[in-house]
Amino acid sequence: MHSEPPTKTHREPHRDLHDDVHDSAAELRTALQDHGITLPSLGVDLPGFAGAYGVPLVALGNCNAATARRLADALRKAAPR
């Protein structure tokens, strides 16, 4: 039997999650850079793909105290009043 390749409307579920988590991490990285903030460890948490019910996660990683303050300040400024 010949099967057709997946399309945008019918893709493998794990591929959609894979794309989404990578896209989300890239969007967050760009948004942080717009505020002069870099989280060097920001990326995809690969163990999140493991197991039958694995949910891919964006790993924010570690940052120093100055970066944490800049991130908190940017979030405060962006929050609705």
Protein backbone atom coordinates (compact mmCIF):
# COMPACT_ATOMS: atom_id res chain seq x y z
CA MET A 1 0.00 0.00 0.00
CA HIS A 2 1.30 3.48 -0.88
CA SER A 3 0.83 6.23 1.70
CA GLU A 4 1.00 9.97 1.11
CA PRO A 5 3.45 12.16 3.02
CA PRO A 6 2.00 14.13 5.94
CA THR A 7 0.52 17.54 5.12
CA LYS A 8 -0.04 20.55 7.33
CA THR A 9 -3.56 19.37 8.08
CA HIS A 10 -2.48 15.77 8.72
CA ARG A 11 0.91 15.57 10.39
CA GLU A 12 2.34 13.22 12.91
CA PRO A 13 1.34 14.48 16.40
CA HIS A 14 4.88 14.29 17.81
CA ARG A 15 6.16 16.38 14.89
CA ASP A 16 3.69 19.17 15.70
CA LEU A 17 4.80 19.19 19.34
CA HIS A 18 8.44 19.12 18.23
CA ASP A 19 7.96 22.10 15.92
CA ASP A 20 5.90 24.01 18.47
CA VAL A 21 8.38 23.71 21.32
CA HIS A 22 11.32 24.68 19.11
CA ASP A 23 9.39 27.62 17.64
CA SER A 24 8.31 28.74 21.12
CA ALA A 25 11.89 28.67 22.41
CA ALA A 26 13.06 30.69 19.40
CA GLU A 27 10.27 33.25 19.87
CA LEU A 28 11.11 33.62 23.55
CA ARG A 29 14.83 33.99 22.78
CA THR A 30 14.05 36.76 20.26
CA ALA A 31 11.65 38.56 22.60
CA LEU A 32 14.23 38.50 25.39
CA GLN A 33 16.91 39.80 23.02
CA ASP A 34 14.58 42.70 22.13
CA HIS A 35 14.95 43.71 25.79
CA GLY A 36 18.71 43.11 25.87
CA ILE A 37 18.31 39.88 27.85
CA THR A 38 20.10 36.63 27.04
CA LEU A 39 19.43 33.35 28.79
CA PRO A 40 22.39 31.25 27.62
CA SER A 41 20.78 27.96 28.66
CA LEU A 42 17.40 28.62 27.00
CA GLY A 43 16.46 25.68 24.82
CA VAL A 44 14.31 22.60 24.51
CA ASP A 45 14.19 20.13 27.41
CA LEU A 46 14.82 16.88 25.55
CA PRO A 47 13.63 14.52 28.34
CA GLY A 48 10.19 16.09 27.88
CA PHE A 49 9.87 14.09 24.66
CA ALA A 50 10.35 10.78 26.48
CA GLY A 51 7.58 8.44 27.52
CA ALA A 52 4.07 7.84 26.29
CA TYR A 53 2.73 11.08 27.78
CA GLY A 54 5.79 13.25 27.29
CA VAL A 55 5.11 16.94 26.89
CA PRO A 56 7.97 18.91 25.35
CA LEU A 57 9.11 21.76 27.56
CA VAL A 58 11.10 24.92 26.97
CA ALA A 59 14.01 24.94 29.41
CA LEU A 60 14.74 28.45 30.62
CA GLY A 61 17.98 27.37 32.23
CA ASN A 62 20.11 29.41 34.57
CA CYS A 63 21.05 33.06 34.65
CA ASN A 64 23.01 35.36 36.90
CA ALA A 65 21.40 37.80 39.36
CA ALA A 66 21.77 40.80 37.03
CA THR A 67 19.98 38.98 34.20
CA ALA A 68 17.21 37.88 36.58
CA ARG A 69 16.69 41.51 37.62
CA ARG A 70 16.57 42.68 33.99
CA LEU A 71 14.04 39.97 33.17
CA ALA A 72 11.89 40.90 36.19
CA ASP A 73 12.07 44.59 35.21
CA ALA A 74 11.05 43.86 31.61
CA LEU A 75 8.11 41.75 32.79
CA ARG A 76 6.97 44.46 35.23
CA LYS A 77 7.08 47.11 32.49
CA ALA A 78 5.11 44.88 30.11
CA ALA A 79 2.42 43.94 32.65
CA PRO A 80 -0.94 45.67 32.25
CA ARG A 81 -1.67 48.17 34.96
